[in-house]
């Protein structure tokens, strides 16, 4: 990975997870809310290096690895 999402990426994930909880008429977040919104929130914030691109790794692959690491 050449560049990661940074603090603003984490803020966008939390904010969108809060929105997802409110849409479901809940006032508290669940881990499922975060996993639901993490891919669209971080997809454009991760920039891969040449080695990752040459090996066929996509940003979605990277995000899936992040989800598995919980």
N, C-alpha and C. Protein backbone atom coordinates (compact mmCIF):
# COMPACT_ATOMS: atom_id res chain seq x y z
N UNK A 1 0.85 -1.16 0.00
CA UNK A 1 0.00 0.00 0.00
C UNK A 1 0.90 1.23 0.00
N UNK A 2 0.65 2.13 -0.90
CA UNK A 2 1.44 3.36 -0.96
C UNK A 2 0.92 4.38 0.04
N UNK A 3 -0.38 4.56 0.06
CA UNK A 3 -1.00 5.51 0.99
C UNK A 3 -2.24 4.87 1.60
N UNK A 4 -2.43 5.07 2.91
CA UNK A 4 -3.58 4.54 3.61
C UNK A 4 -4.64 5.60 3.82
N UNK A 5 -5.74 5.22 4.44
CA UNK A 5 -6.87 6.14 4.57
C UNK A 5 -6.64 7.30 5.54
N UNK A 6 -5.85 7.12 6.57
CA UNK A 6 -5.60 8.20 7.51
C UNK A 6 -6.76 8.47 8.44
N UNK A 7 -6.65 9.52 9.25
CA UNK A 7 -7.68 9.82 10.24
C UNK A 7 -9.03 10.20 9.62
N UNK A 8 -9.00 10.90 8.50
CA UNK A 8 -10.27 11.29 7.87
C UNK A 8 -11.02 10.07 7.35
N UNK A 9 -10.29 9.04 6.95
CA UNK A 9 -10.93 7.80 6.53
C UNK A 9 -11.65 7.12 7.69
N UNK A 10 -11.00 7.11 8.84
CA UNK A 10 -11.63 6.53 10.03
C UNK A 10 -12.86 7.35 10.44
N UNK A 11 -12.76 8.66 10.33
CA UNK A 11 -13.91 9.51 10.67
C UNK A 11 -15.08 9.25 9.73
N UNK A 12 -14.79 9.05 8.45
CA UNK A 12 -15.89 8.80 7.50
C UNK A 12 -16.54 7.45 7.77
N UNK A 13 -15.75 6.45 8.16
CA UNK A 13 -16.32 5.13 8.48
C UNK A 13 -17.25 5.24 9.68
N UNK A 14 -16.81 5.92 10.73
CA UNK A 14 -17.63 6.07 11.94
C UNK A 14 -18.91 6.85 11.64
N UNK A 15 -18.77 7.94 10.89
CA UNK A 15 -19.95 8.75 10.57
C UNK A 15 -20.96 7.97 9.74
N UNK A 16 -20.49 7.24 8.74
CA UNK A 16 -21.42 6.47 7.92
C UNK A 16 -22.01 5.29 8.68
N UNK A 17 -21.26 4.72 9.63
CA UNK A 17 -21.81 3.65 10.46
C UNK A 17 -22.91 4.20 11.36
N UNK A 18 -22.73 5.43 11.85
CA UNK A 18 -23.79 6.06 12.65
C UNK A 18 -25.04 6.27 11.81
N UNK A 19 -24.86 6.68 10.57
CA UNK A 19 -26.00 6.87 9.67
C UNK A 19 -26.69 5.54 9.42
N UNK A 20 -25.92 4.48 9.21
CA UNK A 20 -26.50 3.15 8.98
C UNK A 20 -27.31 2.70 10.18
N UNK A 21 -26.82 2.98 11.38
CA UNK A 21 -27.57 2.62 12.59
C UNK A 21 -28.86 3.43 12.69
N UNK A 22 -28.78 4.72 12.38
CA UNK A 22 -29.98 5.56 12.44
C UNK A 22 -31.02 5.13 11.41
N UNK A 23 -30.56 4.72 10.24
CA UNK A 23 -31.49 4.23 9.22
C UNK A 23 -32.23 2.99 9.71
N UNK A 24 -31.53 2.16 10.50
CA UNK A 24 -32.15 0.96 11.08
C UNK A 24 -32.90 1.27 12.38
N UNK A 25 -33.05 2.57 12.69
CA UNK A 25 -33.78 3.04 13.88
C UNK A 25 -33.13 2.59 15.18
N UNK A 26 -31.78 2.67 15.21
CA UNK A 26 -31.03 2.37 16.42
C UNK A 26 -30.15 3.57 16.74
N UNK A 27 -29.85 3.75 18.03
CA UNK A 27 -29.01 4.87 18.42
C UNK A 27 -27.58 4.45 18.74
N UNK A 28 -27.32 3.17 18.69
CA UNK A 28 -25.96 2.69 18.96
C UNK A 28 -25.41 1.94 17.76
N UNK A 29 -24.10 2.01 17.60
CA UNK A 29 -23.43 1.32 16.50
C UNK A 29 -23.24 -0.14 16.82
N UNK A 30 -23.20 -0.93 15.78
CA UNK A 30 -22.79 -2.32 15.93
C UNK A 30 -21.61 -2.56 14.99
N UNK A 31 -20.91 -3.63 15.22
CA UNK A 31 -19.78 -3.96 14.36
C UNK A 31 -20.26 -4.22 12.94
N UNK A 32 -21.48 -4.73 12.80
CA UNK A 32 -22.04 -4.97 11.47
C UNK A 32 -22.23 -3.67 10.69
N UNK A 33 -22.58 -2.59 11.39
CA UNK A 33 -22.70 -1.29 10.72
C UNK A 33 -21.35 -0.86 10.13
N UNK A 34 -20.31 -1.07 10.88
CA UNK A 34 -18.98 -0.68 10.41
C UNK A 34 -18.56 -1.54 9.22
N UNK A 35 -18.77 -2.84 9.30
CA UNK A 35 -18.38 -3.70 8.18
C UNK A 35 -19.22 -3.42 6.94
N UNK A 36 -20.43 -2.95 7.14
CA UNK A 36 -21.30 -2.63 6.01
C UNK A 36 -20.79 -1.41 5.23
N UNK A 37 -20.24 -0.43 5.93
CA UNK A 37 -19.87 0.83 5.28
C UNK A 37 -18.37 0.99 5.01
N UNK A 38 -17.55 0.08 5.53
CA UNK A 38 -16.11 0.29 5.43
C UNK A 38 -15.61 0.25 3.98
N UNK A 39 -16.14 -0.63 3.16
CA UNK A 39 -15.66 -0.73 1.78
C UNK A 39 -15.96 0.54 0.98
N UNK A 40 -17.21 1.03 0.95
CA UNK A 40 -17.43 2.26 0.18
C UNK A 40 -16.72 3.48 0.76
N UNK A 41 -16.50 3.51 2.05
CA UNK A 41 -15.83 4.66 2.66
C UNK A 41 -14.34 4.69 2.39
N UNK A 42 -13.71 3.54 2.32
CA UNK A 42 -12.25 3.49 2.20
C UNK A 42 -11.74 3.17 0.80
N UNK A 43 -12.62 2.73 -0.07
CA UNK A 43 -12.19 2.27 -1.39
C UNK A 43 -11.36 3.33 -2.12
N UNK A 44 -11.78 4.56 -2.10
CA UNK A 44 -11.07 5.60 -2.85
C UNK A 44 -9.95 6.25 -2.03
N UNK A 45 -9.79 5.87 -0.77
CA UNK A 45 -8.77 6.48 0.08
C UNK A 45 -7.49 5.65 0.15
N UNK A 46 -7.52 4.43 -0.38
CA UNK A 46 -6.34 3.56 -0.36
C UNK A 46 -5.68 3.60 -1.74
N UNK A 47 -4.40 3.91 -1.77
CA UNK A 47 -3.65 3.95 -3.02
C UNK A 47 -2.59 2.84 -2.95
N UNK A 48 -2.65 1.95 -3.90
CA UNK A 48 -1.76 0.80 -3.91
C UNK A 48 -0.44 1.14 -4.61
N UNK A 49 0.62 0.47 -4.16
CA UNK A 49 1.91 0.66 -4.81
C UNK A 49 2.01 -0.27 -6.03
N UNK A 50 3.11 -0.13 -6.77
CA UNK A 50 3.26 -0.90 -8.00
C UNK A 50 3.30 -2.40 -7.73
N UNK A 51 3.94 -2.81 -6.66
CA UNK A 51 4.05 -4.24 -6.35
C UNK A 51 2.68 -4.86 -6.14
N UNK A 52 1.81 -4.16 -5.42
CA UNK A 52 0.45 -4.67 -5.19
C UNK A 52 -0.33 -4.73 -6.50
N UNK A 53 -0.21 -3.69 -7.31
CA UNK A 53 -0.91 -3.68 -8.60
C UNK A 53 -0.40 -4.78 -9.51
N UNK A 54 0.91 -5.03 -9.52
CA UNK A 54 1.49 -6.08 -10.35
C UNK A 54 1.03 -7.46 -9.92
N UNK A 55 0.75 -7.63 -8.63
CA UNK A 55 0.27 -8.92 -8.12
C UNK A 55 -1.24 -9.06 -8.21
N UNK A 56 -1.92 -8.07 -8.77
CA UNK A 56 -3.37 -8.16 -8.96
C UNK A 56 -4.18 -7.87 -7.72
N UNK A 57 -3.58 -7.24 -6.73
CA UNK A 57 -4.30 -6.89 -5.51
C UNK A 57 -5.11 -5.63 -5.75
N UNK A 58 -6.34 -5.62 -5.30
CA UNK A 58 -7.19 -4.44 -5.44
C UNK A 58 -7.43 -3.83 -4.06
N UNK A 59 -7.98 -2.63 -4.07
CA UNK A 59 -8.29 -1.99 -2.79
C UNK A 59 -9.36 -2.79 -2.04
N UNK A 60 -10.27 -3.41 -2.77
CA UNK A 60 -11.29 -4.23 -2.11
C UNK A 60 -10.64 -5.44 -1.41
N UNK A 61 -9.59 -6.02 -2.01
CA UNK A 61 -8.86 -7.11 -1.36
C UNK A 61 -8.24 -6.63 -0.05
N UNK A 62 -7.66 -5.44 -0.08
CA UNK A 62 -7.03 -4.88 1.12
C UNK A 62 -8.07 -4.66 2.22
N UNK A 63 -9.22 -4.14 1.84
CA UNK A 63 -10.27 -3.88 2.83
C UNK A 63 -10.80 -5.18 3.41
N UNK A 64 -10.92 -6.21 2.59
CA UNK A 64 -11.36 -7.52 3.08
C UNK A 64 -10.37 -8.07 4.10
N UNK A 65 -9.08 -7.86 3.87
CA UNK A 65 -8.07 -8.29 4.85
C UNK A 65 -8.21 -7.51 6.14
N UNK A 66 -8.53 -6.25 6.06
CA UNK A 66 -8.75 -5.44 7.26
C UNK A 66 -9.96 -5.97 8.03
N UNK A 67 -11.02 -6.33 7.32
CA UNK A 67 -12.22 -6.87 7.97
C UNK A 67 -11.92 -8.19 8.69
N UNK A 68 -11.06 -9.03 8.10
CA UNK A 68 -10.72 -10.31 8.71
C UNK A 68 -9.89 -10.14 9.98
N UNK A 69 -9.17 -9.02 10.09
CA UNK A 69 -8.24 -8.83 11.20
C UNK A 69 -8.90 -8.37 12.49
N UNK A 70 -10.19 -8.34 12.55
CA UNK A 70 -10.84 -7.85 13.76
C UNK A 70 -10.48 -8.71 14.90
